[in-house]
């Protein structure tokens, strides 16, 4: 098994905001860089949720263990065909630090009828590696107020 060394360094960005950079040095080939950071985590069992609340639609999704992941793009559509990007959310370097991501869409509750959401997962080469969809449906069970998509 390869020996792994981990170094944590903090760099100040814009005053009080800090970015933690984790350097992992492994004695493996470059092809092995697609290995997941966390063991026993199956990305196919992750969930993307749209939760209708009084003044917003809360979008939540589970973290991914993609080693070279970069960011998520959240998109909204009223017809399920043409989507518009509403937010970019950048991934944590270590998926264990943020197990669930979220975004509050205040415009989503103002749309009539169904509202469709799409979550795009980008790697560090700006390539989409996953695409998931769910909708905020006015006919959904308002007890739970939730539309869930497993992917």
C-alpha atoms as a PDB file:
ATOM      1  CA  UNK A   1       0.000   0.000   0.000  1.00  0.00           C
ATOM      2  CA  UNK A   2       1.252   3.470  -0.780  1.00  0.00           C
ATOM      3  CA  UNK A   3       2.265   5.777   2.003  1.00  0.00           C
ATOM      4  CA  UNK A   4       0.134   8.903   2.174  1.00  0.00           C
ATOM      5  CA  UNK A   5       1.256  12.202   3.662  1.00  0.00           C
ATOM      6  CA  UNK A   6      -1.214  14.984   4.330  1.00  0.00           C
ATOM      7  CA  UNK A   7      -0.340  18.624   4.856  1.00  0.00           C
ATOM      8  CA  UNK A   8      -2.887  21.243   5.922  1.00  0.00           C
ATOM      9  CA  UNK A   9      -2.073  24.846   5.070  1.00  0.00           C
ATOM     10  CA  UNK A  10      -4.244  27.926   5.443  1.00  0.00           C
ATOM     11  CA  UNK A  11      -4.083  30.874   3.101  1.00  0.00           C
ATOM     12  CA  UNK A  12      -5.845  34.173   3.882  1.00  0.00           C
ATOM     13  CA  UNK A  13      -8.219  35.329   1.177  1.00  0.00           C
ATOM     14  CA  UNK A  14     -10.032  38.657   1.409  1.00  0.00           C
ATOM     15  CA  UNK A  15      -9.351  39.252   5.090  1.00  0.00           C
ATOM     16  CA  UNK A  16     -11.380  36.906   7.263  1.00  0.00           C
ATOM     17  CA  UNK A  17     -12.139  34.204   4.729  1.00  0.00           C
ATOM     18  CA  UNK A  18      -9.776  31.253   4.833  1.00  0.00           C
ATOM     19  CA  UNK A  19      -9.246  28.513   2.347  1.00  0.00           C
ATOM     20  CA  UNK A  20      -7.772  25.263   3.544  1.00  0.00           C
ATOM     21  CA  UNK A  21      -5.579  23.554   1.054  1.00  0.00           C
ATOM     22  CA  UNK A  22      -4.897  19.895   1.528  1.00  0.00           C
ATOM     23  CA  UNK A  23      -1.945  18.453  -0.277  1.00  0.00           C
ATOM     24  CA  UNK A  24      -1.919  14.713  -0.542  1.00  0.00           C
ATOM     25  CA  UNK A  25       1.286  13.094  -1.684  1.00  0.00           C
ATOM     26  CA  UNK A  26       0.869   9.500  -2.759  1.00  0.00           C
ATOM     27  CA  UNK A  27       3.227   7.116  -4.457  1.00  0.00           C
ATOM     28  CA  UNK A  28       0.703   5.988  -7.043  1.00  0.00           C
ATOM     29  CA  UNK A  29       0.275   6.530 -10.735  1.00  0.00           C
ATOM     30  CA  UNK A  30      -1.644   9.542 -12.049  1.00  0.00           C
ATOM     31  CA  UNK A  31      -4.453   7.223 -13.118  1.00  0.00           C
ATOM     32  CA  UNK A  32      -5.238   6.496  -9.472  1.00  0.00           C
ATOM     33  CA  UNK A  33      -6.198  10.134  -8.847  1.00  0.00           C
ATOM     34  CA  UNK A  34      -9.870   9.362  -9.425  1.00  0.00           C
ATOM     35  CA  UNK A  35     -10.030   7.361  -6.189  1.00  0.00           C
ATOM     36  CA  UNK A  36     -12.604   8.580  -3.665  1.00  0.00           C
ATOM     37  CA  UNK A  37     -11.374  10.505  -0.640  1.00  0.00           C
ATOM     38  CA  UNK A  38     -13.730   8.760   1.765  1.00  0.00           C
ATOM     39  CA  UNK A  39     -14.120   5.015   2.037  1.00  0.00           C
ATOM     40  CA  UNK A  40     -17.479   3.230   2.276  1.00  0.00           C
ATOM     41  CA  UNK A  41     -19.325   6.082   0.571  1.00  0.00           C
ATOM     42  CA  UNK A  42     -21.341   5.257  -2.525  1.00  0.00           C
ATOM     43  CA  UNK A  43     -21.978   8.325  -4.690  1.00  0.00           C
ATOM     44  CA  UNK A  44     -24.878   6.477  -6.353  1.00  0.00           C
ATOM     45  CA  UNK A  45     -26.827   6.680  -3.078  1.00  0.00           C
ATOM     46  CA  UNK A  46     -26.610  10.450  -2.731  1.00  0.00           C
ATOM     47  CA  UNK A  47     -29.786  12.527  -2.568  1.00  0.00           C
ATOM     48  CA  UNK A  48     -30.810  15.834  -4.180  1.00  0.00           C
ATOM     49  CA  UNK A  49     -33.826  17.413  -2.442  1.00  0.00           C
ATOM     50  CA  UNK A  50     -36.131  20.349  -3.154  1.00  0.00           C
ATOM     51  CA  UNK A  51     -38.013  21.332   0.008  1.00  0.00           C
ATOM     52  CA  UNK A  52     -40.847  23.831  -0.399  1.00  0.00           C
ATOM     53  CA  UNK A  53     -41.065  26.291   2.467  1.00  0.00           C
ATOM     54  CA  UNK A  54     -43.228  29.372   2.961  1.00  0.00           C
ATOM     55  CA  UNK A  55     -40.912  31.918   1.348  1.00  0.00           C
ATOM     56  CA  UNK A  56     -38.344  29.753  -0.449  1.00  0.00           C
ATOM     57  CA  UNK A  57     -37.424  26.405  -1.923  1.00  0.00           C
ATOM     58  CA  UNK A  58     -34.539  24.847   0.005  1.00  0.00           C
ATOM     59  CA  UNK A  59     -32.271  22.804  -2.237  1.00  0.00           C
ATOM     60  CA  UNK A  60     -30.080  20.291  -0.433  1.00  0.00           C
ATOM     61  CA  UNK A  61     -27.735  17.616  -1.672  1.00  0.00           C
ATOM     62  CA  UNK A  62     -25.246  15.205  -0.185  1.00  0.00           C
ATOM     63  CA  UNK A  63     -21.521  15.747  -0.652  1.00  0.00           C
ATOM     64  CA  UNK A  64     -19.591  13.827  -3.254  1.00  0.00           C
ATOM     65  CA  UNK A  65     -16.289  12.070  -2.796  1.00  0.00           C
ATOM     66  CA  UNK A  66     -14.897  13.005  -6.186  1.00  0.00           C
ATOM     67  CA  UNK A  67     -11.203  13.678  -5.651  1.00  0.00           C
ATOM     68  CA  UNK A  68     -10.884  16.248  -8.397  1.00  0.00           C
ATOM     69  CA  UNK A  69     -14.277  17.885  -7.891  1.00  0.00           C
ATOM     70  CA  UNK A  70     -14.518  21.646  -8.264  1.00  0.00           C
ATOM     71  CA  UNK A  71     -18.035  23.024  -7.880  1.00  0.00           C
ATOM     72  CA  UNK A  72     -21.768  22.551  -8.301  1.00  0.00           C
ATOM     73  CA  UNK A  73     -24.027  24.567 -10.587  1.00  0.00           C
ATOM     74  CA  UNK A  74     -27.696  24.850  -9.614  1.00  0.00           C
ATOM     75  CA  UNK A  75     -30.121  25.478 -12.453  1.00  0.00           C
ATOM     76  CA  UNK A  76     -33.860  26.267 -12.496  1.00  0.00           C
ATOM     77  CA  UNK A  77     -36.501  25.804 -15.191  1.00  0.00           C
ATOM     78  CA  UNK A  78     -40.245  26.362 -15.382  1.00  0.00           C
ATOM     79  CA  UNK A  79     -40.745  23.999 -18.323  1.00  0.00           C
ATOM     80  CA  UNK A  80     -38.206  21.258 -17.549  1.00  0.00           C
ATOM     81  CA  UNK A  81     -36.443  21.912 -20.855  1.00  0.00           C
ATOM     82  CA  UNK A  82     -34.556  25.203 -20.754  1.00  0.00           C
ATOM     83  CA  UNK A  83     -32.555  25.812 -17.584  1.00  0.00           C
ATOM     84  CA  UNK A  84     -30.937  28.949 -16.183  1.00  0.00           C
ATOM     85  CA  UNK A  85     -28.030  28.876 -13.717  1.00  0.00           C
ATOM     86  CA  UNK A  86     -29.114  30.354 -10.378  1.00  0.00           C
ATOM     87  CA  UNK A  87     -26.056  29.593  -8.222  1.00  0.00           C
ATOM     88  CA  UNK A  88     -22.533  28.203  -8.127  1.00  0.00           C
ATOM     89  CA  UNK A  89     -21.430  26.394  -4.970  1.00  0.00           C
ATOM     90  CA  UNK A  90     -17.789  25.432  -4.568  1.00  0.00           C
ATOM     91  CA  UNK A  91     -16.850  22.084  -3.047  1.00  0.00           C
ATOM     92  CA  UNK A  92     -14.887  21.711   0.156  1.00  0.00           C
ATOM     93  CA  UNK A  93     -11.436  20.215  -0.310  1.00  0.00           C
ATOM     94  CA  UNK A  94     -12.356  17.483   2.176  1.00  0.00           C
ATOM     95  CA  UNK A  95     -15.899  16.100   1.657  1.00  0.00           C
ATOM     96  CA  UNK A  96     -16.051  15.044   5.311  1.00  0.00           C
ATOM     97  CA  UNK A  97     -16.092  18.708   6.398  1.00  0.00           C
ATOM     98  CA  UNK A  98     -19.374  19.482   4.598  1.00  0.00           C
ATOM     99  CA  UNK A  99     -21.541  16.332   4.361  1.00  0.00           C
ATOM    100  CA  UNK A 100     -24.555  18.229   2.961  1.00  0.00           C
ATOM    101  CA  UNK A 101     -24.703  21.349   0.803  1.00  0.00           C
ATOM    102  CA  UNK A 102     -27.653  23.704   0.500  1.00  0.00           C
ATOM    103  CA  UNK A 103     -29.049  26.735  -1.296  1.00  0.00           C
ATOM    104  CA  UNK A 104     -32.219  28.765  -0.642  1.00  0.00           C
ATOM    105  CA  UNK A 105     -34.042  29.734  -3.852  1.00  0.00           C
ATOM    106  CA  UNK A 106     -36.407  32.572  -2.949  1.00  0.00           C
ATOM    107  CA  UNK A 107     -37.577  32.978  -6.561  1.00  0.00           C
ATOM    108  CA  UNK A 108     -38.664  29.334  -6.839  1.00  0.00           C
ATOM    109  CA  UNK A 109     -41.772  29.793  -4.683  1.00  0.00           C
ATOM    110  CA  UNK A 110     -42.999  32.682  -6.853  1.00  0.00           C
ATOM    111  CA  UNK A 111     -43.153  30.622 -10.043  1.00  0.00           C
ATOM    112  CA  UNK A 112     -46.580  29.184 -10.886  1.00  0.00           C
ATOM    113  CA  UNK A 113     -46.935  25.432 -11.374  1.00  0.00           C
ATOM    114  CA  UNK A 114     -43.900  23.201 -11.384  1.00  0.00           C
ATOM    115  CA  UNK A 115     -40.359  24.397 -10.954  1.00  0.00           C
ATOM    116  CA  UNK A 116     -37.586  22.066 -12.057  1.00  0.00           C
ATOM    117  CA  UNK A 117     -34.094  22.054 -10.585  1.00  0.00           C
ATOM    118  CA  UNK A 118     -30.938  20.549 -11.971  1.00  0.00           C
ATOM    119  CA  UNK A 119     -27.654  20.036 -10.141  1.00  0.00           C
ATOM    120  CA  UNK A 120     -24.489  19.791 -12.228  1.00  0.00           C
ATOM    121  CA  UNK A 121     -21.283  18.474 -10.664  1.00  0.00           C
ATOM    122  CA  UNK A 122     -18.066  19.776 -12.237  1.00  0.00           C
ATOM    123  CA  UNK A 123     -14.590  18.344 -11.938  1.00  0.00           C
ATOM    124  CA  UNK A 124     -11.497  20.558 -11.804  1.00  0.00           C
ATOM    125  CA  UNK A 125     -11.210  20.478 -15.586  1.00  0.00           C
ATOM    126  CA  UNK A 126     -14.636  22.202 -15.883  1.00  0.00           C
ATOM    127  CA  UNK A 127     -16.219  18.992 -17.183  1.00  0.00           C
ATOM    128  CA  UNK A 128     -19.699  17.956 -15.986  1.00  0.00           C
ATOM    129  CA  UNK A 129     -19.303  14.584 -14.285  1.00  0.00           C
ATOM    130  CA  UNK A 130     -22.838  14.248 -12.842  1.00  0.00           C
ATOM    131  CA  UNK A 131     -26.249  15.712 -13.620  1.00  0.00           C
ATOM    132  CA  UNK A 132     -29.279  15.301 -11.338  1.00  0.00           C
ATOM    133  CA  UNK A 133     -32.799  16.726 -11.533  1.00  0.00           C
ATOM    134  CA  UNK A 134     -35.716  17.190  -9.159  1.00  0.00           C
ATOM    135  CA  UNK A 135     -38.751  19.462  -9.107  1.00  0.00           C
ATOM    136  CA  UNK A 136     -40.742  21.634  -6.776  1.00  0.00           C
ATOM    137  CA  UNK A 137     -44.213  20.469  -7.692  1.00  0.00           C
ATOM    138  CA  UNK A 138     -47.277  22.332  -6.399  1.00  0.00           C
ATOM    139  CA  UNK A 139     -49.049  18.970  -6.238  1.00  0.00           C
ATOM    140  CA  UNK A 140     -46.389  17.419  -4.004  1.00  0.00           C
ATOM    141  CA  UNK A 141     -47.293  16.317  -0.498  1.00  0.00           C
ATOM    142  CA  UNK A 142     -47.189  19.630   1.347  1.00  0.00           C
ATOM    143  CA  UNK A 143     -46.847  17.796   4.676  1.00  0.00           C
ATOM    144  CA  UNK A 144     -43.374  16.860   3.707  1.00  0.00           C
ATOM    145  CA  UNK A 145     -43.069  19.638   1.134  1.00  0.00           C
ATOM    146  CA  UNK A 146     -40.270  17.691  -0.439  1.00  0.00           C
ATOM    147  CA  UNK A 147     -39.302  16.313  -3.812  1.00  0.00           C
ATOM    148  CA  UNK A 148     -36.442  13.838  -3.604  1.00  0.00           C
ATOM    149  CA  UNK A 149     -34.291  12.368  -6.325  1.00  0.00           C
ATOM    150  CA  UNK A 150     -31.852   9.557  -5.545  1.00  0.00           C
ATOM    151  CA  UNK A 151     -28.910   9.295  -7.894  1.00  0.00           C
END
